[in-house]
PDB file of N, CA and C in Angstrom:
ATOM      1  N   MET A   1     108.171  21.660  -8.552  1.00  0.00           N
ATOM      2  CA  MET A   1     108.050  22.992  -8.384  1.00  0.00           C
ATOM      3  C   MET A   1     108.379  23.345  -6.983  1.00  0.00           C
ATOM      4  N   ALA A   2     109.113  24.429  -6.770  1.00  0.00           N
ATOM      5  CA  ALA A   2     109.406  24.834  -5.488  1.00  0.00           C
ATOM      6  C   ALA A   2     109.043  26.241  -5.222  1.00  0.00           C
ATOM      7  N   THR A   3     108.560  26.631  -3.997  1.00  0.00           N
ATOM      8  CA  THR A   3     108.074  28.039  -3.808  1.00  0.00           C
ATOM      9  C   THR A   3     108.984  28.653  -2.600  1.00  0.00           C
ATOM     10  N   TYR A   4     109.277  29.802  -2.842  1.00  0.00           N
ATOM     11  CA  TYR A   4     110.289  30.489  -1.988  1.00  0.00           C
ATOM     12  C   TYR A   4     109.634  31.799  -1.469  1.00  0.00           C
ATOM     13  N   ASN A   5     109.758  32.061  -0.220  1.00  0.00           N
ATOM     14  CA  ASN A   5     109.499  33.392   0.415  1.00  0.00           C
ATOM     15  C   ASN A   5     110.594  34.300  -0.005  1.00  0.00           C
ATOM     16  N   THR A   6     110.310  35.512  -0.505  1.00  0.00           N
ATOM     17  CA  THR A   6     111.537  36.329  -1.031  1.00  0.00           C
ATOM     18  C   THR A   6     111.506  37.687  -0.293  1.00  0.00           C
ATOM     19  N   GLU A   7     112.808  38.288  -0.536  1.00  0.00           N
ATOM     20  CA  GLU A   7     113.072  39.638  -0.070  1.00  0.00           C
ATOM     21  C   GLU A   7     113.842  40.368  -1.039  1.00  0.00           C
ATOM     22  N   ILE A   8     113.659  41.626  -1.163  1.00  0.00           N
ATOM     23  CA  ILE A   8     114.538  42.515  -1.980  1.00  0.00           C
ATOM     24  C   ILE A   8     115.287  43.538  -1.069  1.00  0.00           C
ATOM     25  N   HIS A   9     116.408  43.898  -1.674  1.00  0.00           N
ATOM     26  CA  HIS A   9     117.316  44.804  -0.844  1.00  0.00           C
ATOM     27  C   HIS A   9     117.500  46.119  -1.808  1.00  0.00           C
ATOM     28  N   THR A  10     117.011  47.103  -1.273  1.00  0.00           N
ATOM     29  CA  THR A  10     117.069  48.406  -2.066  1.00  0.00           C
ATOM     30  C   THR A  10     118.157  49.360  -1.746  1.00  0.00           C
ATOM     31  N   GLY A  11     119.195  48.847  -1.191  1.00  0.00           N
ATOM     32  CA  GLY A  11     120.393  49.700  -0.837  1.00  0.00           C
ATOM     33  C   GLY A  11     120.174  50.276   0.595  1.00  0.00           C
ATOM     34  N   GLY A  12     119.793  51.514   0.776  1.00  0.00           N
ATOM     35  CA  GLY A  12     119.673  52.126   2.024  1.00  0.00           C
ATOM     36  C   GLY A  12     118.424  51.603   2.840  1.00  0.00           C
ATOM     37  N   GLY A  13     117.493  50.913   2.182  1.00  0.00           N
ATOM     38  CA  GLY A  13     116.221  50.515   2.828  1.00  0.00           C
ATOM     39  C   GLY A  13     116.345  49.090   3.438  1.00  0.00           C
ATOM     40  N   GLY A  14     117.404  48.407   3.410  1.00  0.00           N
ATOM     41  CA  GLY A  14     117.515  47.211   3.968  1.00  0.00           C
ATOM     42  C   GLY A  14     116.710  46.112   3.227  1.00  0.00           C
ATOM     43  N   TRP A  15     116.523  44.904   3.872  1.00  0.00           N
ATOM     44  CA  TRP A  15     115.782  43.840   3.318  1.00  0.00           C
ATOM     45  C   TRP A  15     114.360  43.989   3.584  1.00  0.00           C
ATOM     46  N   GLN A  16     113.487  43.843   2.568  1.00  0.00           N
ATOM     47  CA  GLN A  16     111.992  44.024   2.680  1.00  0.00           C
ATOM     48  C   GLN A  16     111.300  42.812   2.029  1.00  0.00           C
ATOM     49  N   GLN A  17     110.243  42.438   2.603  1.00  0.00           N
ATOM     50  CA  GLN A  17     109.530  41.217   2.147  1.00  0.00           C
ATOM     51  C   GLN A  17     109.022  41.463   0.828  1.00  0.00           C
ATOM     52  N   ASP A  18     108.957  40.467  -0.119  1.00  0.00           N
ATOM     53  CA  ASP A  18     108.478  40.702  -1.424  1.00  0.00           C
ATOM     54  C   ASP A  18     107.538  39.574  -1.692  1.00  0.00           C
ATOM     55  N   GLU A  19     106.955  39.370  -2.882  1.00  0.00           N
ATOM     56  CA  GLU A  19     105.930  38.309  -3.295  1.00  0.00           C
ATOM     57  C   GLU A  19     106.767  36.862  -3.336  1.00  0.00           C
ATOM     58  N   PRO A  20     106.015  35.846  -3.148  1.00  0.00           N
ATOM     59  CA  PRO A  20     106.519  34.527  -3.146  1.00  0.00           C
ATOM     60  C   PRO A  20     107.017  34.208  -4.739  1.00  0.00           C
ATOM     61  N   LEU A  21     108.056  33.433  -4.929  1.00  0.00           N
ATOM     62  CA  LEU A  21     108.514  33.011  -6.251  1.00  0.00           C
ATOM     63  C   LEU A  21     108.422  31.525  -6.252  1.00  0.00           C
ATOM     64  N   SER A  22     107.722  31.150  -7.375  1.00  0.00           N
ATOM     65  CA  SER A  22     107.611  29.619  -7.683  1.00  0.00           C
ATOM     66  C   SER A  22     108.514  29.289  -8.825  1.00  0.00           C
ATOM     67  N   VAL A  23     109.351  28.225  -8.689  1.00  0.00           N
ATOM     68  CA  VAL A  23     110.223  27.841  -9.720  1.00  0.00           C
ATOM     69  C   VAL A  23     109.833  26.465 -10.242  1.00  0.00           C
ATOM     70  N   SER A  24     109.644  26.440 -11.592  1.00  0.00           N
ATOM     71  CA  SER A  24     109.272  25.138 -12.207  1.00  0.00           C
ATOM     72  C   SER A  24     109.966  25.134 -13.576  1.00  0.00           C
ATOM     73  N   ILE A  25     111.010  24.304 -13.740  1.00  0.00           N
ATOM     74  CA  ILE A  25     111.856  24.309 -14.890  1.00  0.00           C
ATOM     75  C   ILE A  25     112.029  22.868 -15.287  1.00  0.00           C
ATOM     76  N   SER A  26     111.885  22.447 -16.521  1.00  0.00           N
ATOM     77  CA  SER A  26     112.156  21.244 -17.113  1.00  0.00           C
ATOM     78  C   SER A  26     112.719  21.250 -18.473  1.00  0.00           C
ATOM     79  N   THR A  27     113.584  20.362 -18.891  1.00  0.00           N
ATOM     80  CA  THR A  27     113.927  20.132 -20.322  1.00  0.00           C
ATOM     81  C   THR A  27     113.821  18.682 -20.445  1.00  0.00           C
ATOM     82  N   ARG A  28     114.865  18.087 -21.055  1.00  0.00           N
ATOM     83  CA  ARG A  28     114.881  16.580 -21.246  1.00  0.00           C
ATOM     84  C   ARG A  28     114.969  15.804 -19.999  1.00  0.00           C
ATOM     85  N   GLY A  29     115.561  16.371 -18.981  1.00  0.00           N
ATOM     86  CA  GLY A  29     115.607  15.755 -17.640  1.00  0.00           C
ATOM     87  C   GLY A  29     115.030  16.702 -16.659  1.00  0.00           C
ATOM     88  N   ASP A  30     114.852  16.345 -15.483  1.00  0.00           N
ATOM     89  CA  ASP A  30     114.114  17.104 -14.409  1.00  0.00           C
ATOM     90  C   ASP A  30     115.244  18.096 -13.861  1.00  0.00           C
ATOM     91  N   VAL A  31     115.247  19.349 -14.277  1.00  0.00           N
ATOM     92  CA  VAL A  31     116.108  20.294 -13.757  1.00  0.00           C
ATOM     93  C   VAL A  31     115.454  20.722 -12.274  1.00  0.00           C
ATOM     94  N   VAL A  32     114.276  20.942 -12.207  1.00  0.00           N
ATOM     95  CA  VAL A  32     113.496  21.067 -10.938  1.00  0.00           C
ATOM     96  C   VAL A  32     112.430  20.048 -10.979  1.00  0.00           C
ATOM     97  N   PRO A  33     112.547  18.968 -10.131  1.00  0.00           N
ATOM     98  CA  PRO A  33     111.554  17.968 -10.191  1.00  0.00           C
ATOM     99  C   PRO A  33     110.187  18.558  -9.711  1.00  0.00           C
ATOM    100  N   GLY A  34     109.078  17.914 -10.227  1.00  0.00           N
ATOM    101  CA  GLY A  34     107.788  18.336  -9.928  1.00  0.00           C
ATOM    102  C   GLY A  34     107.472  18.580  -8.551  1.00  0.00           C
ATOM    103  N   ASN A  35     108.133  17.766  -7.710  1.00  0.00           N
ATOM    104  CA  ASN A  35     107.911  17.828  -6.195  1.00  0.00           C
ATOM    105  C   ASN A  35     109.171  18.278  -5.495  1.00  0.00           C
ATOM    106  N   GLY A  36     110.133  18.945  -6.155  1.00  0.00           N
ATOM    107  CA  GLY A  36     111.285  19.271  -5.476  1.00  0.00           C
ATOM    108  C   GLY A  36     111.822  20.612  -5.751  1.00  0.00           C
ATOM    109  N   ARG A  37     113.081  20.802  -5.447  1.00  0.00           N
ATOM    110  CA  ARG A  37     113.699  22.151  -5.634  1.00  0.00           C
ATOM    111  C   ARG A  37     115.001  22.151  -6.438  1.00  0.00           C
ATOM    112  N   PRO A  38     115.530  23.183  -7.000  1.00  0.00           N
ATOM    113  CA  PRO A  38     116.703  23.117  -7.781  1.00  0.00           C
ATOM    114  C   PRO A  38     117.960  22.564  -6.882  1.00  0.00           C
ATOM    115  N   ALA A  39     118.842  21.939  -7.644  1.00  0.00           N
ATOM    116  CA  ALA A  39     120.062  21.329  -6.893  1.00  0.00           C
ATOM    117  C   ALA A  39     120.939  22.581  -6.519  1.00  0.00           C
ATOM    118  N   GLU A  40     121.709  22.389  -5.620  1.00  0.00           N
ATOM    119  CA  GLU A  40     122.701  23.517  -5.091  1.00  0.00           C
ATOM    120  C   GLU A  40     123.589  23.821  -6.279  1.00  0.00           C
ATOM    121  N   GLY A  41     123.779  25.089  -6.487  1.00  0.00           N
ATOM    122  CA  GLY A  41     124.707  25.565  -7.490  1.00  0.00           C
ATOM    123  C   GLY A  41     123.976  25.858  -8.842  1.00  0.00           C
ATOM    124  N   THR A  42     122.566  25.504  -8.858  1.00  0.00           N
ATOM    125  CA  THR A  42     121.836  25.843 -10.104  1.00  0.00           C
ATOM    126  C   THR A  42     121.627  27.433 -10.174  1.00  0.00           C
ATOM    127  N   THR A  43     121.872  27.958 -11.361  1.00  0.00           N
ATOM    128  CA  THR A  43     121.729  29.346 -11.543  1.00  0.00           C
ATOM    129  C   THR A  43     120.554  29.452 -12.550  1.00  0.00           C
ATOM    130  N   VAL A  44     119.566  30.378 -12.191  1.00  0.00           N
ATOM    131  CA  VAL A  44     118.380  30.627 -13.009  1.00  0.00           C
ATOM    132  C   VAL A  44     118.470  32.171 -13.430  1.00  0.00           C
ATOM    133  N   THR A  45     118.408  32.349 -14.761  1.00  0.00           N
ATOM    134  CA  THR A  45     118.393  33.710 -15.290  1.00  0.00           C
ATOM    135  C   THR A  45     117.120  33.948 -16.024  1.00  0.00           C
ATOM    136  N   TRP A  46     116.438  35.109 -15.826  1.00  0.00           N
ATOM    137  CA  TRP A  46     115.221  35.405 -16.695  1.00  0.00           C
ATOM    138  C   TRP A  46     115.292  36.823 -17.281  1.00  0.00           C
ATOM    139  N   SER A  47     114.502  36.925 -18.276  1.00  0.00           N
ATOM    140  CA  SER A  47     114.310  38.406 -18.975  1.00  0.00           C
ATOM    141  C   SER A  47     112.995  38.320 -19.607  1.00  0.00           C
ATOM    142  N   SER A  48     112.083  39.287 -19.165  1.00  0.00           N
ATOM    143  CA  SER A  48     110.801  39.303 -19.673  1.00  0.00           C
ATOM    144  C   SER A  48     110.111  40.803 -19.601  1.00  0.00           C
ATOM    145  N   PRO A  49     109.449  41.120 -20.662  1.00  0.00           N
ATOM    146  CA  PRO A  49     108.907  42.532 -20.603  1.00  0.00           C
ATOM    147  C   PRO A  49     108.011  42.718 -19.403  1.00  0.00           C
ATOM    148  N   ASN A  50     107.367  41.713 -18.964  1.00  0.00           N
ATOM    149  CA  ASN A  50     106.385  41.772 -17.897  1.00  0.00           C
ATOM    150  C   ASN A  50     106.951  41.429 -16.465  1.00  0.00           C
ATOM    151  N   ALA A  51     107.894  40.434 -16.428  1.00  0.00           N
ATOM    152  CA  ALA A  51     108.426  39.978 -15.168  1.00  0.00           C
ATOM    153  C   ALA A  51     109.876  40.533 -14.846  1.00  0.00           C
ATOM    154  N   GLY A  52     110.258  41.395 -15.742  1.00  0.00           N
ATOM    155  CA  GLY A  52     111.594  42.088 -15.440  1.00  0.00           C
ATOM    156  C   GLY A  52     112.741  41.091 -15.865  1.00  0.00           C
ATOM    157  N   ASN A  53     113.795  41.250 -15.125  1.00  0.00           N
ATOM    158  CA  ASN A  53     114.953  40.315 -15.348  1.00  0.00           C
ATOM    159  C   ASN A  53     115.659  40.114 -14.082  1.00  0.00           C
ATOM    160  N   GLY A  54     116.463  39.061 -13.994  1.00  0.00           N
ATOM    161  CA  GLY A  54     117.193  38.682 -12.801  1.00  0.00           C
ATOM    162  C   GLY A  54     118.080  37.532 -13.020  1.00  0.00           C
ATOM    163  N   SER A  55     118.863  37.308 -11.992  1.00  0.00           N
ATOM    164  CA  SER A  55     119.617  35.997 -11.900  1.00  0.00           C
ATOM    165  C   SER A  55     119.906  35.518 -10.511  1.00  0.00           C
ATOM    166  N   VAL A  56     119.543  34.358 -10.120  1.00  0.00           N
ATOM    167  CA  VAL A  56     119.729  33.888  -8.826  1.00  0.00           C
ATOM    168  C   VAL A  56     120.430  32.543  -8.898  1.00  0.00           C
ATOM    169  N   THR A  57     121.113  32.217  -7.740  1.00  0.00           N
ATOM    170  CA  THR A  57     121.818  30.925  -7.583  1.00  0.00           C
ATOM    171  C   THR A  57     121.309  30.304  -6.352  1.00  0.00           C
ATOM    172  N   PHE A  58     121.233  29.007  -6.435  1.00  0.00           N
ATOM    173  CA  PHE A  58     120.512  28.217  -5.328  1.00  0.00           C
ATOM    174  C   PHE A  58     121.745  27.672  -4.413  1.00  0.00           C
ATOM    175  N   PHE A  59     121.412  27.624  -3.127  1.00  0.00           N
ATOM    176  CA  PHE A  59     122.533  27.103  -2.038  1.00  0.00           C
ATOM    177  C   PHE A  59     121.834  26.227  -1.023  1.00  0.00           C
ATOM    178  N   ASP A  60     122.571  25.721  -0.144  1.00  0.00           N
ATOM    179  CA  ASP A  60     122.087  24.772   0.918  1.00  0.00           C
ATOM    180  C   ASP A  60     121.082  23.720   0.286  1.00  0.00           C
ATOM    181  N   ASP A  61     121.426  22.948  -0.624  1.00  0.00           N
ATOM    182  CA  ASP A  61     120.602  21.867  -1.143  1.00  0.00           C
ATOM    183  C   ASP A  61     119.370  22.417  -1.781  1.00  0.00           C
ATOM    184  N   GLY A  62     119.316  23.677  -2.315  1.00  0.00           N
ATOM    185  CA  GLY A  62     118.257  24.310  -2.933  1.00  0.00           C
ATOM    186  C   GLY A  62     117.288  24.923  -2.009  1.00  0.00           C
ATOM    187  N   THR A  63     117.531  25.147  -0.721  1.00  0.00           N
ATOM    188  CA  THR A  63     116.556  25.592   0.196  1.00  0.00           C
ATOM    189  C   THR A  63     116.660  27.191   0.210  1.00  0.00           C
ATOM    190  N   ARG A  64     117.630  27.782  -0.353  1.00  0.00           N
ATOM    191  CA  ARG A  64     117.712  29.192  -0.495  1.00  0.00           C
ATOM    192  C   ARG A  64     118.306  29.671  -1.756  1.00  0.00           C
ATOM    193  N   PHE A  65     118.155  30.873  -2.102  1.00  0.00           N
ATOM    194  CA  PHE A  65     118.844  31.490  -3.210  1.00  0.00           C
ATOM    195  C   PHE A  65     119.199  32.887  -2.986  1.00  0.00           C
ATOM    196  N   GLU A  66     120.108  33.444  -3.756  1.00  0.00           N
ATOM    197  CA  GLU A  66     120.631  34.802  -3.665  1.00  0.00           C
ATOM    198  C   GLU A  66     120.880  35.244  -5.042  1.00  0.00           C
ATOM    199  N   GLY A  67     120.720  36.506  -5.344  1.00  0.00           N
ATOM    200  CA  GLY A  67     120.937  37.157  -6.628  1.00  0.00           C
ATOM    201  C   GLY A  67     120.491  38.523  -6.742  1.00  0.00           C
ATOM    202  N   THR A  68     120.206  38.939  -7.976  1.00  0.00           N
ATOM    203  CA  THR A  68     119.655  40.235  -8.306  1.00  0.00           C
ATOM    204  C   THR A  68     118.371  40.159  -9.091  1.00  0.00           C
ATOM    205  N   ALA A  69     117.618  41.176  -9.025  1.00  0.00           N
ATOM    206  CA  ALA A  69     116.545  41.292  -9.932  1.00  0.00           C
ATOM    207  C   ALA A  69     116.173  42.704 -10.306  1.00  0.00           C
ATOM    208  N   GLN A  70     115.478  42.915 -11.353  1.00  0.00           N
ATOM    209  CA  GLN A  70     115.022  44.279 -11.708  1.00  0.00           C
ATOM    210  C   GLN A  70     113.647  44.075 -12.409  1.00  0.00           C
ATOM    211  N   PHE A  71     112.680  44.446 -11.601  1.00  0.00           N
ATOM    212  CA  PHE A  71     111.245  44.245 -12.021  1.00  0.00           C
ATOM    213  C   PHE A  71     110.827  45.443 -12.824  1.00  0.00           C
ATOM    214  N   SER A  72     109.805  45.232 -13.607  1.00  0.00           N
ATOM    215  CA  SER A  72     109.296  46.194 -14.674  1.00  0.00           C
ATOM    216  C   SER A  72     108.977  47.472 -13.977  1.00  0.00           C
ATOM    217  N   GLY A  73     109.593  48.595 -14.562  1.00  0.00           N
ATOM    218  CA  GLY A  73     109.499  49.891 -14.028  1.00  0.00           C
ATOM    219  C   GLY A  73     110.190  50.324 -12.756  1.00  0.00           C
ATOM    220  N   GLU A  74     111.073  49.407 -12.261  1.00  0.00           N
ATOM    221  CA  GLU A  74     111.842  49.612 -11.038  1.00  0.00           C
ATOM    222  C   GLU A  74     113.384  49.501 -11.354  1.00  0.00           C
ATOM    223  N   GLY A  75     114.088  49.957 -10.366  1.00  0.00           N
ATOM    224  CA  GLY A  75     115.632  49.797 -10.479  1.00  0.00           C
ATOM    225  C   GLY A  75     116.016  48.452 -10.003  1.00  0.00           C
ATOM    226  N   PRO A  76     117.317  48.071 -10.219  1.00  0.00           N
ATOM    227  CA  PRO A  76     117.866  46.774  -9.707  1.00  0.00           C
ATOM    228  C   PRO A  76     117.893  46.650  -8.225  1.00  0.00           C
ATOM    229  N   VAL A  77     117.609  45.417  -7.755  1.00  0.00           N
ATOM    230  CA  VAL A  77     117.733  45.193  -6.362  1.00  0.00           C
ATOM    231  C   VAL A  77     118.360  43.876  -6.001  1.00  0.00           C
ATOM    232  N   GLY A  78     118.928  43.737  -4.779  1.00  0.00           N
ATOM    233  CA  GLY A  78     119.252  42.457  -4.302  1.00  0.00           C
ATOM    234  C   GLY A  78     118.049  41.557  -4.116  1.00  0.00           C
ATOM    235  N   TYR A  79     118.093  40.247  -4.360  1.00  0.00           N
ATOM    236  CA  TYR A  79     117.064  39.447  -4.229  1.00  0.00           C
ATOM    237  C   TYR A  79     117.415  38.078  -3.646  1.00  0.00           C
ATOM    238  N   ARG A  80     116.760  37.650  -2.656  1.00  0.00           N
ATOM    239  CA  ARG A  80     117.058  36.486  -1.908  1.00  0.00           C
ATOM    240  C   ARG A  80     115.687  35.723  -1.495  1.00  0.00           C
ATOM    241  N   GLY A  81     115.776  34.396  -1.257  1.00  0.00           N
ATOM    242  CA  GLY A  81     114.658  33.728  -0.952  1.00  0.00           C
ATOM    243  C   GLY A  81     114.947  32.439  -0.208  1.00  0.00           C
ATOM    244  N   THR A  82     114.049  32.007   0.675  1.00  0.00           N
ATOM    245  CA  THR A  82     114.093  30.781   1.356  1.00  0.00           C
ATOM    246  C   THR A  82     112.893  29.876   1.131  1.00  0.00           C
ATOM    247  N   LEU A  83     113.088  28.600   0.947  1.00  0.00           N
ATOM    248  CA  LEU A  83     112.110  27.530   0.583  1.00  0.00           C
ATOM    249  C   LEU A  83     110.950  27.634   1.683  1.00  0.00           C
ATOM    250  N   THR A  84     109.745  27.644   1.195  1.00  0.00           N
ATOM    251  CA  THR A  84     108.542  27.674   2.124  1.00  0.00           C
ATOM    252  C   THR A  84     108.420  26.207   2.574  1.00  0.00           C
ATOM    253  N   GLY A  85     107.755  26.207   3.817  1.00  0.00           N
ATOM    254  CA  GLY A  85     107.493  24.869   4.517  1.00  0.00           C
ATOM    255  C   GLY A  85     107.781  23.722   3.807  1.00  0.00           C
TER     256      GLY A  85
END
């Protein structure tokens, strides 16, 4: 699992701090190792009535991501994050 400090971009409002994002994904192999982060180039897309929807791609050996998100009851925003300590 990897945890990221996140920011949202609302257009005219610039980048604003948002809640941390934890990523834990696994299938037959380790997509995100239990003690690691997604590999560079990994794209994660989600859609949920409670968590909204979005799509992010990981860069710099999984230490950061960039993409878009739309949370429940809100409009779409730019979304980015950096790996915590």
